[in-house]
Structure formats: C-alpha cells, structure tokens
C-alpha atoms as a PDB file:
ATOM      1  CA  MET A   1      -0.317  38.965  19.584  1.00  0.00           C
ATOM      2  CA  LYS A   2      -4.520  38.070  20.091  1.00  0.00           C
ATOM      3  CA  LYS A   3      -4.885  37.433  16.644  1.00  0.00           C
ATOM      4  CA  VAL A   4      -2.110  35.541  16.008  1.00  0.00           C
ATOM      5  CA  VAL A   5      -2.370  33.300  19.988  1.00  0.00           C
ATOM      6  CA  ALA A   6      -5.933  32.901  17.775  1.00  0.00           C
ATOM      7  CA  THR A   7      -4.776  31.442  14.654  1.00  0.00           C
ATOM      8  CA  MET A   8      -2.374  29.156  16.330  1.00  0.00           C
ATOM      9  CA  VAL A   9      -5.356  27.710  18.391  1.00  0.00           C
ATOM     10  CA  ALA A  10      -7.427  27.270  15.059  1.00  0.00           C
ATOM     11  CA  LEU A  11      -4.321  25.834  12.966  1.00  0.00           C
ATOM     12  CA  SER A  12      -3.837  23.492  15.756  1.00  0.00           C
ATOM     13  CA  LEU A  13      -7.538  22.221  16.074  1.00  0.00           C
ATOM     14  CA  THR A  14      -8.539  21.608  12.387  1.00  0.00           C
ATOM     15  CA  VAL A  15      -4.640  19.601  12.320  1.00  0.00           C
ATOM     16  CA  SER A  16      -4.824  17.649  15.918  1.00  0.00           C
ATOM     17  CA  GLY A  17      -6.661  14.590  16.448  1.00  0.00           C
ATOM     18  CA  CYS A  18      -6.450  12.965  13.334  1.00  0.00           C
ATOM     19  CA  SER A  19      -7.716   9.586  15.022  1.00  0.00           C
ATOM     20  CA  ALA A  20     -10.615  11.222  16.100  1.00  0.00           C
ATOM     21  CA  PHE A  21     -11.636  11.738  12.198  1.00  0.00           C
ATOM     22  CA  VAL A  22     -11.208   7.973  11.066  1.00  0.00           C
ATOM     23  CA  PRO A  23     -13.646   5.540  11.226  1.00  0.00           C
ATOM     24  CA  LYS A  24     -13.888   3.772  14.605  1.00  0.00           C
ATOM     25  CA  THR A  25     -14.921   0.283  13.120  1.00  0.00           C
ATOM     26  CA  GLN A  26     -13.523  -2.553  10.978  1.00  0.00           C
ATOM     27  CA  THR A  27     -14.857  -5.918   9.389  1.00  0.00           C
ATOM     28  CA  VAL A  28     -13.124  -8.617  10.957  1.00  0.00           C
ATOM     29  CA  SER A  29     -14.477 -11.518   8.994  1.00  0.00           C
ATOM     30  CA  ALA A  30     -14.452 -15.429  10.529  1.00  0.00           C
ATOM     31  CA  VAL A  31     -15.324 -18.916   9.217  1.00  0.00           C
ATOM     32  CA  CYS A  32     -15.519 -22.488  10.419  1.00  0.00           C
ATOM     33  CA  SER A  33     -14.338 -25.105   9.042  1.00  0.00           C
ATOM     34  CA  GLU A  34     -17.557 -26.992   9.427  1.00  0.00           C
ATOM     35  CA  PRO A  35     -20.003 -24.333   7.184  1.00  0.00           C
ATOM     36  CA  ASP A  36     -22.867 -26.179  10.680  1.00  0.00           C
ATOM     37  CA  ALA A  37     -21.538 -25.151  13.663  1.00  0.00           C
ATOM     38  CA  ASN A  38     -22.325 -21.842  15.639  1.00  0.00           C
ATOM     39  CA  LEU A  39     -20.314 -19.036  15.366  1.00  0.00           C
ATOM     40  CA  GLN A  40     -19.874 -16.956  17.782  1.00  0.00           C
ATOM     41  CA  ILE A  41     -18.142 -13.187  17.369  1.00  0.00           C
ATOM     42  CA  ASN A  42     -18.422 -10.795  20.421  1.00  0.00           C
ATOM     43  CA  GLY A  43     -21.170 -13.102  21.892  1.00  0.00           C
ATOM     44  CA  GLN A  44     -23.176 -12.600  19.257  1.00  0.00           C
ATOM     45  CA  VAL A  45     -23.938 -16.672  17.393  1.00  0.00           C
ATOM     46  CA  TYR A  46     -24.231 -16.668  13.467  1.00  0.00           C
ATOM     47  CA  GLN A  47     -24.134 -19.929  11.501  1.00  0.00           C
ATOM     48  CA  GLY A  48     -20.628 -20.764   9.706  1.00  0.00           C
ATOM     49  CA  LYS A  49     -19.800 -18.101   9.109  1.00  0.00           C
ATOM     50  CA  ALA A  50     -20.268 -13.673   9.089  1.00  0.00           C
ATOM     51  CA  GLN A  51     -19.014 -10.276   9.360  1.00  0.00           C
ATOM     52  CA  TYR A  52     -18.727  -8.646  11.780  1.00  0.00           C
ATOM     53  CA  GLU A  53     -18.646  -4.694  12.389  1.00  0.00           C
ATOM     54  CA  ALA A  54     -16.151  -4.230  15.807  1.00  0.00           C
ATOM     55  CA  LYS A  55     -14.595  -1.461  17.462  1.00  0.00           C
ATOM     56  CA  LYS A  56     -11.004  -1.265  16.513  1.00  0.00           C
ATOM     57  CA  ASN A  57      -9.584  -0.406  20.161  1.00  0.00           C
ATOM     58  CA  LYS A  58     -11.257  -3.035  21.352  1.00  0.00           C
ATOM     59  CA  THR A  59     -10.675  -7.194  21.459  1.00  0.00           C
ATOM     60  CA  VAL A  60     -12.549  -9.551  19.334  1.00  0.00           C
ATOM     61  CA  ALA A  61     -12.990 -13.197  20.966  1.00  0.00           C
ATOM     62  CA  ILE A  62     -14.262 -15.519  18.250  1.00  0.00           C
ATOM     63  CA  MET A  63     -14.982 -19.638  19.208  1.00  0.00           C
ATOM     64  CA  CYS A  64     -16.367 -21.868  16.501  1.00  0.00           C
ATOM     65  CA  THR A  65     -19.008 -24.763  18.273  1.00  0.00           C
ATOM     66  CA  LYS A  66     -20.311 -28.071  17.448  1.00  0.00           C
ATOM     67  CA  THR A  67     -21.270 -31.027  18.975  1.00  0.00           C
ATOM     68  CA  GLY A  68     -19.083 -33.911  18.187  1.00  0.00           C
ATOM     69  CA  TYR A  69     -16.070 -31.543  17.234  1.00  0.00           C
ATOM     70  CA  PHE A  70     -13.220 -29.499  19.779  1.00  0.00           C
ATOM     71  CA  PRO A  71     -14.901 -25.806  20.191  1.00  0.00           C
ATOM     72  CA  ALA A  72     -11.669 -23.501  18.007  1.00  0.00           C
ATOM     73  CA  GLN A  73     -11.072 -20.543  19.503  1.00  0.00           C
ATOM     74  CA  ARG A  74      -9.384 -17.082  18.526  1.00  0.00           C
ATOM     75  CA  THR A  75      -8.697 -13.635  20.331  1.00  0.00           C
ATOM     76  CA  ILE A  76      -8.102 -10.893  18.023  1.00  0.00           C
ATOM     77  CA  ASP A  77      -5.946  -8.113  19.446  1.00  0.00           C
ATOM     78  CA  HIS A  78      -5.117  -4.250  18.118  1.00  0.00           C
ATOM     79  CA  SER A  79      -2.524  -1.945  17.655  1.00  0.00           C
ATOM     80  CA  LEU A  80      -1.325   1.615  17.483  1.00  0.00           C
ATOM     81  CA  SER A  81      -2.807   2.499  13.771  1.00  0.00           C
ATOM     82  CA  GLY A  82      -0.814   4.658  11.300  1.00  0.00           C
ATOM     83  CA  THR A  83      -3.226   8.001  12.227  1.00  0.00           C
ATOM     84  CA  GLY A  84      -2.135   6.690  16.094  1.00  0.00           C
ATOM     85  CA  VAL A  85       1.670   7.099  15.336  1.00  0.00           C
ATOM     86  CA  ALA A  86       0.958  10.209  13.651  1.00  0.00           C
ATOM     87  CA  ASP A  87      -1.282  11.254  16.859  1.00  0.00           C
ATOM     88  CA  ALA A  88       1.827  10.269  18.871  1.00  0.00           C
ATOM     89  CA  ILE A  89       4.549  12.366  17.234  1.00  0.00           C
ATOM     90  CA  GLY A  90       1.829  15.463  16.783  1.00  0.00           C
ATOM     91  CA  THR A  91       1.176  15.099  20.655  1.00  0.00           C
ATOM     92  CA  ALA A  92       5.170  16.735  20.951  1.00  0.00           C
ATOM     93  CA  LEU A  93       4.661  19.467  18.633  1.00  0.00           C
ATOM     94  CA  PHE A  94       0.870  20.881  20.101  1.00  0.00           C
ATOM     95  CA  LEU A  95      -0.478  18.822  22.841  1.00  0.00           C
ATOM     96  CA  LEU A  96      -4.521  18.565  21.250  1.00  0.00           C
ATOM     97  CA  PRO A  97      -3.456  15.388  18.484  1.00  0.00           C
ATOM     98  CA  GLY A  98      -2.839  13.657  21.929  1.00  0.00           C
ATOM     99  CA  LEU A  99      -6.357  13.732  22.177  1.00  0.00           C
ATOM    100  CA  GLY A 100      -7.433  11.316  19.161  1.00  0.00           C
ATOM    101  CA  LEU A 101      -5.371   8.228  20.761  1.00  0.00           C
ATOM    102  CA  PHE A 102      -7.827   8.242  23.372  1.00  0.00           C
ATOM    103  CA  THR A 103     -11.016   7.013  20.267  1.00  0.00           C
ATOM    104  CA  ALA A 104     -11.002   4.150  18.239  1.00  0.00           C
ATOM    105  CA  GLY A 105      -9.805   5.433  15.290  1.00  0.00           C
ATOM    106  CA  ALA A 106      -6.270   5.599  16.213  1.00  0.00           C
ATOM    107  CA  TRP A 107      -6.226   1.912  16.365  1.00  0.00           C
ATOM    108  CA  LYS A 108      -6.442  -0.958  13.926  1.00  0.00           C
ATOM    109  CA  LEU A 109      -7.193  -4.398  14.567  1.00  0.00           C
ATOM    110  CA  ASP A 110      -4.270  -7.117  13.999  1.00  0.00           C
ATOM    111  CA  GLU A 111      -6.303  -9.062  11.855  1.00  0.00           C
ATOM    112  CA  THR A 112      -9.658  -9.596   9.615  1.00  0.00           C
ATOM    113  CA  ASP A 113      -9.737 -12.509   8.190  1.00  0.00           C
ATOM    114  CA  VAL A 114     -10.263 -15.868  10.341  1.00  0.00           C
ATOM    115  CA  ASN A 115     -10.358 -18.909   9.803  1.00  0.00           C
ATOM    116  CA  LEU A 116     -10.844 -21.540  12.374  1.00  0.00           C
ATOM    117  CA  ALA A 117     -10.343 -25.688  11.704  1.00  0.00           C
ATOM    118  CA  MET A 118     -12.234 -27.355  14.126  1.00  0.00           C
ATOM    119  CA  MET A 119     -11.210 -30.992  14.879  1.00  0.00           C
ATOM    120  CA  LYS A 120     -13.374 -33.966  15.398  1.00  0.00           C
ATOM    121  CA  ASN A 121     -13.674 -35.603  19.065  1.00  0.00           C
ATOM    122  CA  GLU A 122     -12.835 -38.880  18.795  1.00  0.00           C
ATOM    123  CA  LYS A 123     -14.738 -40.694  21.899  1.00  0.00           C
END
C-alpha cells in the first residue's frame, strides 16, 4: 500500500504544476509613432522602439513622450494562459497542480505588439 501511495505522489509531482516549467517572461515590442520620442517600458527608457522581456504575471506600462506632442500611454494587462487553465482543472483531481497557478508561467500578456500614435500639441 505504501508503494502505491508513493507512486501516486511521485506521478502527481511529475505532471503537476506545468505552469512552473513554462517560461516566465514574454517579449513585448513597443514602437512610438515618432522615432526620436522617449519610450518608457516599466520605467526603463529607450529611444523610439524597443523589445522588452516582461514578466507574464505583471502589468506592463508603456509611455511615449516628446516635446511638442501629447504623451501616448498604454497598459498591458495579463490573463490566465492555457497552461494555467490546465493547472486549474488539474487541481480538481490533484491538489499539486494548483501550485503552478502561483507562478508567472500560468499567465500570458494580453498584448505583445504595441504601436503608440502620438498627436502634436497645437499650442
């Protein structure tokens, strides 16, 4: 009986929490309509366009600024990924897959390609 329980525990550990083994970041590409504008992604400053490795379980804040233009902003939210859904369903059968829901791999960013249009400030 102990061998059966040990086998079940070992099996559930190997198939549980798949989200824990999925990459925790996703590449976000952001472009300002004005190539010489300052681009900020989560506080890091770039010039005009950039690619940024963002954690999949965190909101991403993007902003373009340039003198003579209104600032352009976008916030990218996150939602449960397919792997996260599988972990949620697996939790109904075994408790351990639920651990994967606490990792960044259970989530996905709602948008990964962002183009921010900047408007001239007519003052």
